[in-house]
Amino acid sequence: MDAHKYSRFIRLAGVQDEGFEKVRNARIVLVGIGTLGGAYALNLVRIGTGFIRLVDRDIVEEHNLSTQLLYDMYDVQHPLPKVTAAKNRLNAINQDCEIEACPSELRQDNAEELLGGVDLIIDATDNFETRFLINDVAVKLNIPWIYTGVVGYTGVCMAIIPGVTACLRCMMERVPDTGELPTCETAGVWAAAAQTITAVGLTEALRIITDGKPEFGLSELDIQAGTWKKVHPEWSGDCPVCVHHEYSYLSGKTVSQSVKLCGREMVHISPGRQQNLNLPGMADLLPADYECTCTEDLLHIKLPEAEIYLFKDGRSFVKGVSDTERAKSIFNRYISV
């Protein structure tokens, strides 16, 4: 490793040689590798973070390119799991970093495995059910994590240290109801707001890694209004997670087998249990007139009525339909797993 490559980072107050060595030894898991996750990942590899695990269930689509910095048209035209495309790009930037790509949906049956064995969890997701699951695992395993979100021109960020700060369930008793809060599909997303709020999260991550002392509190930035608010959520004395250690999202939540992805003509179908499919073998069994491409991680089939993206773990996307029952019917007609 050439330390000269990182000289300007090393010169930062609070980093120096000792801090850089901690960054080089740090293990981070990044959940979500889209608009927020791409900004996080690009910065983490450029400072030489030792190990980064990428967790995301999605594929690269053309509409991603306006906000997601990691991808280009090649990734759209040559379908790969988003984490695989991201790993390829990140390895091209810095081979000093070990990148682990996990093309998986974060679920209660795999969450401890995917989120364990690290020093820090970074949330770059777009839904609160996943964040509540992250919160359960982080508190149970005593791992610091950073909550991040962006909608429209507004970004929010908070470092959560189990046993030290309020956790997410201290601030929110339940997942917001459908339509209760704006989403990226309803309010859009300004990529610069995502990049700005990840700068806050990255600084918190650096503080946690180097000295364990983040700047506690919830930051809310509105780029359009030019405001930055900071609040200090109180630790709930009756929190089900960090006080009573009841990890309901980790142990008791039932996930729907199929769900329409918001704002898109695409349905996500989960097999209910993680599998380990031989996708090239399955591709060999398809009729010769099927238009398909296949890697070890993803089988893509173009059909007259839809497109099917089948992942190695048994999950699939059916693109071109919005009705979940029709999507399941198309999937079952062409694929049996």
Protein backbone atom coordinates (compact mmCIF):
# COMPACT_ATOMS: atom_id res chain seq x y z
CA MET A 1 0.00 0.00 0.00
CA ASP A 2 1.33 3.43 -0.98
CA ALA A 3 0.58 5.81 1.92
CA HIS A 4 1.45 8.77 -0.33
CA LYS A 5 -1.79 8.10 -2.20
CA TYR A 6 -3.70 9.04 0.97
CA SER A 7 -1.44 11.92 2.10
CA ARG A 8 -4.10 14.64 2.01
CA PHE A 9 -6.51 12.47 3.99
CA ILE A 10 -3.82 11.58 6.54
CA ARG A 11 -3.03 15.28 7.12
CA LEU A 12 -6.56 15.95 8.37
CA ALA A 13 -6.92 16.94 12.01
CA GLY A 14 -8.08 13.88 13.93
CA VAL A 15 -6.75 11.45 11.32
CA GLN A 16 -2.94 11.53 11.04
CA ASP A 17 -1.08 8.22 10.84
CA GLU A 18 -2.88 6.64 13.81
CA GLY A 19 -6.34 7.44 12.48
CA PHE A 20 -5.45 6.26 8.99
CA GLU A 21 -4.31 2.92 10.40
CA LYS A 22 -7.71 2.55 12.07
CA VAL A 23 -9.46 3.31 8.76
CA ARG A 24 -7.26 0.73 7.02
CA ASN A 25 -8.37 -1.86 9.59
CA ALA A 26 -12.04 -0.83 9.68
CA ARG A 27 -14.80 -3.19 8.60
CA ILE A 28 -17.98 -1.51 7.37
CA VAL A 29 -21.23 -2.86 5.95
CA LEU A 30 -23.17 -0.56 3.62
CA VAL A 31 -26.86 -1.45 3.24
CA GLY A 32 -28.20 -0.03 -0.02
CA ILE A 33 -25.97 0.94 -2.93
CA GLY A 34 -28.11 3.47 -4.77
CA THR A 35 -28.14 7.27 -4.52
CA LEU A 36 -26.95 7.42 -0.90
CA GLY A 37 -24.93 4.22 -0.94
CA GLY A 38 -23.01 5.15 -4.07
CA ALA A 39 -21.87 8.44 -2.52
CA TYR A 40 -20.84 6.64 0.66
CA ALA A 41 -18.98 3.87 -1.20
CA LEU A 42 -17.04 6.18 -3.50
CA ASN A 43 -15.69 8.14 -0.55
CA LEU A 44 -14.99 5.10 1.63
CA VAL A 45 -12.81 3.43 -1.02
CA ARG A 46 -10.96 6.66 -1.80
CA ILE A 47 -9.81 7.00 1.82
CA GLY A 48 -8.63 3.38 1.85
CA THR A 49 -11.24 1.73 4.10
CA GLY A 50 -10.00 -1.81 4.71
CA PHE A 51 -13.20 -3.82 4.20
CA ILE A 52 -16.61 -2.83 2.81
CA ARG A 53 -19.54 -5.24 2.51
CA LEU A 54 -22.22 -4.11 0.04
CA VAL A 55 -25.78 -5.36 0.60
CA ASP A 56 -28.50 -4.61 -1.96
CA ARG A 57 -31.23 -6.66 -3.66
CA ASP A 58 -31.61 -4.51 -6.78
CA ILE A 59 -30.40 -4.28 -10.38
CA VAL A 60 -29.22 -1.20 -12.32
CA GLU A 61 -31.95 0.53 -14.35
CA GLU A 62 -31.79 3.54 -16.64
CA HIS A 63 -33.69 5.81 -14.27
CA ASN A 64 -30.92 5.24 -11.67
CA LEU A 65 -28.37 7.13 -13.75
CA SER A 66 -29.66 10.61 -12.93
CA THR A 67 -28.91 10.22 -9.20
CA GLN A 68 -26.68 7.19 -8.63
CA LEU A 69 -23.01 8.04 -9.14
CA LEU A 70 -21.61 4.51 -9.36
CA TYR A 71 -23.31 3.42 -12.58
CA ASP A 72 -23.46 4.16 -16.31
CA MET A 73 -25.26 2.87 -19.42
CA TYR A 74 -22.98 -0.16 -19.63
CA ASP A 75 -24.45 -1.40 -16.34
CA VAL A 76 -27.97 -0.93 -17.71
CA GLN A 77 -27.22 -2.73 -20.98
CA HIS A 78 -25.33 -5.61 -19.29
CA PRO A 79 -27.60 -6.51 -16.35
CA LEU A 80 -25.82 -7.42 -13.15
CA PRO A 81 -26.84 -7.23 -9.50
CA LYS A 82 -26.28 -3.67 -8.39
CA VAL A 83 -23.68 -4.75 -5.83
CA THR A 84 -21.67 -6.59 -8.49
CA ALA A 85 -21.61 -3.57 -10.80
CA ALA A 86 -20.66 -1.42 -7.80
CA LYS A 87 -17.84 -3.76 -6.78
CA ASN A 88 -16.41 -3.66 -10.31
CA ARG A 89 -16.37 0.14 -10.27
CA LEU A 90 -14.96 0.40 -6.75
CA ASN A 91 -12.20 -2.12 -7.45
CA ALA A 92 -11.20 -0.03 -10.46
CA ILE A 93 -10.86 3.00 -8.19
CA ASN A 94 -8.87 1.41 -5.37
CA GLN A 95 -7.62 -2.16 -5.11
CA ASP A 96 -6.34 -1.54 -1.58
CA CYS A 97 -9.90 -2.08 -0.29
CA GLU A 98 -11.54 -5.47 0.10
CA ILE A 99 -15.05 -5.28 -1.34
CA GLU A 100 -17.61 -8.00 -0.59
CA ALA A 101 -20.72 -7.95 -2.81
CA CYS A 102 -23.88 -9.48 -1.33
CA PRO A 103 -26.76 -9.42 -3.86
CA SER A 104 -29.31 -10.20 -1.17
CA GLU A 105 -32.46 -8.82 0.34
CA LEU A 106 -31.84 -7.99 4.00
CA ARG A 107 -34.29 -10.21 5.89
CA GLN A 108 -34.77 -11.47 9.42
CA ASP A 109 -33.23 -14.85 8.52
CA ASN A 110 -29.97 -13.40 7.16
CA ALA A 111 -29.65 -10.02 8.91
CA GLU A 112 -27.26 -11.08 11.67
CA GLU A 113 -24.98 -12.81 9.16
CA LEU A 114 -24.93 -9.89 6.72
CA LEU A 115 -24.60 -7.17 9.37
CA GLY A 116 -22.33 -9.00 11.80
CA GLY A 117 -18.56 -9.07 12.07
CA VAL A 118 -18.09 -5.36 11.33
CA ASP A 119 -17.21 -2.19 13.22
CA LEU A 120 -19.93 -0.02 11.69
CA ILE A 121 -23.21 -0.37 9.79
CA ILE A 122 -24.23 2.40 7.39
CA ASP A 123 -27.88 2.68 6.36
CA ALA A 124 -28.34 3.90 2.79
CA THR A 125 -31.78 2.38 2.29
CA ASP A 126 -35.11 3.89 1.32
CA ASN A 127 -37.58 2.26 3.72
CA PHE A 128 -38.17 2.17 7.46
CA GLU A 129 -38.92 -1.55 7.76
CA THR A 130 -35.34 -2.30 6.73
CA ARG A 131 -34.03 0.41 9.06
CA PHE A 132 -35.96 -1.06 11.99
CA LEU A 133 -34.38 -4.43 11.19
CA ILE A 134 -30.92 -2.82 11.09
CA ASN A 135 -31.67 -1.17 14.43
CA ASP A 136 -32.61 -4.51 16.02
CA VAL A 137 -29.41 -6.19 14.84
CA ALA A 138 -27.17 -3.23 15.73
CA VAL A 139 -28.50 -3.06 19.30
CA LYS A 140 -28.42 -6.84 19.75
CA LEU A 141 -24.83 -7.15 18.46
CA ASN A 142 -23.70 -3.82 19.98
CA ILE A 143 -22.57 -2.35 16.64
CA PRO A 144 -22.71 1.42 15.95
CA TRP A 145 -24.77 2.40 12.92
CA ILE A 146 -25.57 5.51 10.93
CA TYR A 147 -29.14 6.25 9.88
CA THR A 148 -29.34 8.22 6.62
CA GLY A 149 -32.25 9.28 4.42
CA VAL A 150 -33.01 11.67 1.59
CA VAL A 151 -36.26 12.80 -0.02
CA GLY A 152 -36.61 15.79 -2.31
CA TYR A 153 -34.15 18.46 -1.19
CA THR A 154 -33.99 17.20 2.40
CA GLY A 155 -31.54 14.79 3.99
CA VAL A 156 -31.37 13.39 7.53
CA CYS A 157 -28.54 11.64 9.35
CA MET A 158 -27.87 10.34 12.84
CA ALA A 159 -25.14 8.21 14.42
CA ILE A 160 -26.66 5.61 16.76
CA ILE A 161 -24.39 4.03 19.38
CA PRO A 162 -26.06 1.17 21.31
CA GLY A 163 -26.06 1.89 25.03
CA VAL A 164 -24.96 5.48 24.51
CA THR A 165 -27.52 7.24 22.29
CA ALA A 166 -31.21 6.88 21.62
CA CYS A 167 -31.93 4.16 19.05
CA LEU A 168 -34.30 4.43 16.11
CA ARG A 169 -37.19 2.89 18.07
CA CYS A 170 -36.71 5.51 20.78
CA MET A 171 -37.54 8.10 18.10
CA MET A 172 -40.19 6.15 16.16
CA GLU A 173 -42.52 3.60 17.72
CA ARG A 174 -43.60 2.11 14.38
CA VAL A 175 -42.96 2.07 10.69
CA PRO A 176 -44.84 5.01 9.09
CA ASP A 177 -48.04 4.01 7.32
CA THR A 178 -48.13 3.93 3.53
CA GLY A 179 -48.50 7.50 2.27
CA GLU A 180 -47.76 9.01 5.68
CA LEU A 181 -44.37 10.35 4.58
CA PRO A 182 -43.16 11.54 1.17
CA THR A 183 -40.94 9.17 -0.83
CA CYS A 184 -38.41 9.58 -3.61
CA GLU A 185 -41.09 8.50 -6.06
CA THR A 186 -43.63 11.09 -4.86
CA ALA A 187 -41.30 13.98 -4.05
CA GLY A 188 -38.28 13.16 -6.21
CA VAL A 189 -34.70 13.30 -5.02
CA TRP A 190 -32.05 15.97 -5.54
CA ALA A 191 -28.79 14.06 -5.90
CA ALA A 192 -26.81 16.95 -4.40
CA ALA A 193 -28.89 16.65 -1.21
CA ALA A 194 -27.93 12.98 -1.00
CA GLN A 195 -24.27 13.80 -1.50
CA THR A 196 -24.43 16.52 1.16
CA ILE A 197 -26.09 14.36 3.80
CA THR A 198 -23.66 11.51 3.13
CA ALA A 199 -20.85 13.99 3.83
CA VAL A 200 -22.35 14.35 7.31
CA GLY A 201 -22.64 10.57 7.65
CA LEU A 202 -19.09 10.01 6.44
CA THR A 203 -17.76 12.48 8.99
CA GLU A 204 -19.68 10.67 11.73
CA ALA A 205 -18.28 7.37 10.43
CA LEU A 206 -14.75 8.77 10.57
CA ARG A 207 -15.27 9.94 14.14
CA ILE A 208 -16.60 6.52 15.19
CA ILE A 209 -13.72 4.66 13.55
CA THR A 210 -10.93 6.92 14.78
CA ASP A 211 -12.00 7.82 18.32
CA GLY A 212 -15.51 6.45 18.93
CA LYS A 213 -16.96 9.90 19.56
CA PRO A 214 -19.46 11.06 16.92
CA GLU A 215 -21.25 14.41 17.01
CA PHE A 216 -24.41 13.12 18.66
CA GLY A 217 -27.81 14.22 17.39
CA LEU A 218 -30.08 14.08 14.36
CA SER A 219 -29.09 16.42 11.51
CA GLU A 220 -31.72 17.58 9.01
CA LEU A 221 -30.54 19.53 5.96
CA ASP A 222 -32.85 21.27 3.50
CA ILE A 223 -30.66 22.23 0.56
CA GLN A 224 -33.38 24.27 -1.15
CA ALA A 225 -34.23 26.30 1.96
CA GLY A 226 -30.60 26.54 3.03
CA THR A 227 -31.28 25.30 6.56
CA TRP A 228 -29.52 22.84 8.85
CA LYS A 229 -31.39 21.76 11.96
CA LYS A 230 -30.04 19.57 14.72
CA VAL A 231 -32.08 17.87 17.43
CA HIS A 232 -31.04 15.52 20.21
CA PRO A 233 -33.58 12.67 20.50
CA GLU A 234 -34.16 11.50 24.05
CA TRP A 235 -33.45 7.95 25.13
CA SER A 236 -36.83 6.33 25.80
CA GLY A 237 -36.99 4.63 29.17
CA ASP A 238 -39.51 2.16 27.77
CA CYS A 239 -37.93 1.44 24.37
CA PRO A 240 -38.77 -2.11 23.27
CA VAL A 241 -35.34 -2.52 21.66
CA CYS A 242 -32.58 -0.82 23.63
CA VAL A 243 -34.30 -1.08 27.04
CA HIS A 244 -36.36 -4.28 26.89
CA HIS A 245 -34.28 -6.03 24.19
CA GLU A 246 -37.34 -7.15 22.24
CA TYR A 247 -36.14 -7.49 18.66
CA SER A 248 -39.50 -7.85 16.93
CA TYR A 249 -38.26 -6.95 13.43
CA LEU A 250 -35.46 -9.49 13.74
CA SER A 251 -37.52 -12.30 15.19
CA GLY A 252 -41.20 -11.75 14.57
CA LYS A 253 -41.99 -9.83 11.39
CA THR A 254 -43.51 -11.58 8.38
CA VAL A 255 -42.35 -10.28 5.02
CA SER A 256 -44.71 -10.36 2.05
CA GLN A 257 -43.80 -12.94 -0.60
CA SER A 258 -44.35 -10.43 -3.38
CA VAL A 259 -44.44 -6.65 -3.46
CA LYS A 260 -44.81 -4.02 -6.16
CA LEU A 261 -41.81 -1.69 -6.17
CA CYS A 262 -43.07 1.85 -5.64
CA GLY A 263 -43.35 3.96 -8.78
CA ARG A 264 -42.08 1.23 -11.09
CA GLU A 265 -43.67 -1.41 -13.31
CA MET A 266 -41.78 -4.09 -11.46
CA VAL A 267 -42.70 -6.67 -8.84
CA HIS A 268 -40.26 -8.22 -6.38
CA ILE A 269 -40.92 -11.88 -5.55
CA SER A 270 -39.25 -13.47 -2.54
CA PRO A 271 -39.02 -17.26 -2.16
CA GLY A 272 -39.50 -17.00 1.61
CA ARG A 273 -36.17 -18.72 2.24
CA GLN A 274 -32.69 -18.12 0.93
CA GLN A 275 -31.56 -20.51 -1.80
CA ASN A 276 -28.37 -21.15 -3.74
CA LEU A 277 -29.39 -21.62 -7.36
CA ASN A 278 -27.23 -22.88 -10.20
CA LEU A 279 -28.25 -20.15 -12.63
CA PRO A 280 -26.00 -21.22 -15.56
CA GLY A 281 -27.44 -24.72 -15.24
CA MET A 282 -30.97 -23.32 -15.28
CA ALA A 283 -30.13 -21.19 -18.32
CA ASP A 284 -28.93 -24.29 -20.19
CA LEU A 285 -32.36 -25.86 -19.68
CA LEU A 286 -34.27 -22.93 -21.23
CA PRO A 287 -35.52 -23.21 -24.82
CA ALA A 288 -32.99 -21.97 -27.37
CA ASP A 289 -35.31 -19.23 -28.65
CA TYR A 290 -35.45 -17.50 -25.24
CA GLU A 291 -33.49 -14.25 -25.16
CA CYS A 292 -31.45 -14.47 -21.98
CA THR A 293 -28.13 -13.54 -20.41
CA CYS A 294 -26.64 -15.25 -17.39
CA THR A 295 -23.88 -14.89 -14.82
CA GLU A 296 -23.25 -16.77 -11.60
CA ASP A 297 -25.37 -14.19 -9.76
CA LEU A 298 -28.15 -13.18 -12.18
CA LEU A 299 -30.28 -14.78 -14.90
CA HIS A 300 -32.08 -12.25 -17.13
CA ILE A 301 -34.83 -13.49 -19.46
CA LYS A 302 -36.66 -11.24 -21.95
CA LEU A 303 -40.18 -12.45 -22.70
CA PRO A 304 -42.95 -10.95 -24.86
CA GLU A 305 -45.00 -9.96 -21.82
CA ALA A 306 -42.28 -9.14 -19.28
CA GLU A 307 -38.65 -9.49 -18.22
CA ILE A 308 -37.53 -11.78 -15.41
CA TYR A 309 -34.43 -11.13 -13.31
CA LEU A 310 -33.65 -14.20 -11.18
CA PHE A 311 -30.99 -13.94 -8.47
CA LYS A 312 -28.84 -16.74 -7.10
CA ASP A 313 -30.59 -16.56 -3.71
CA GLY A 314 -33.98 -17.31 -5.32
CA ARG A 315 -35.38 -13.77 -5.42
CA SER A 316 -36.67 -12.35 -8.65
CA PHE A 317 -37.91 -9.16 -10.27
CA VAL A 318 -40.65 -9.32 -12.89
CA LYS A 319 -40.37 -6.15 -14.96
CA GLY A 320 -43.09 -4.74 -17.19
CA VAL A 321 -46.06 -5.53 -14.93
CA SER A 322 -47.46 -3.82 -11.86
CA ASP A 323 -49.99 -6.42 -10.68
CA THR A 324 -48.42 -8.80 -8.18
CA GLU A 325 -50.64 -11.77 -9.04
CA ARG A 326 -49.91 -11.43 -12.77
CA ALA A 327 -46.21 -11.15 -11.99
CA LYS A 328 -46.30 -14.38 -9.96
CA SER A 329 -48.22 -16.08 -12.74
CA ILE A 330 -45.61 -15.09 -15.35
CA PHE A 331 -42.79 -16.16 -13.06
CA ASN A 332 -44.35 -19.55 -12.34
CA ARG A 333 -45.05 -20.09 -16.03
CA TYR A 334 -41.41 -19.75 -17.04
CA ILE A 335 -39.39 -20.47 -13.91
CA SER A 336 -39.67 -23.19 -11.28
CA VAL A 337 -37.36 -22.91 -8.26
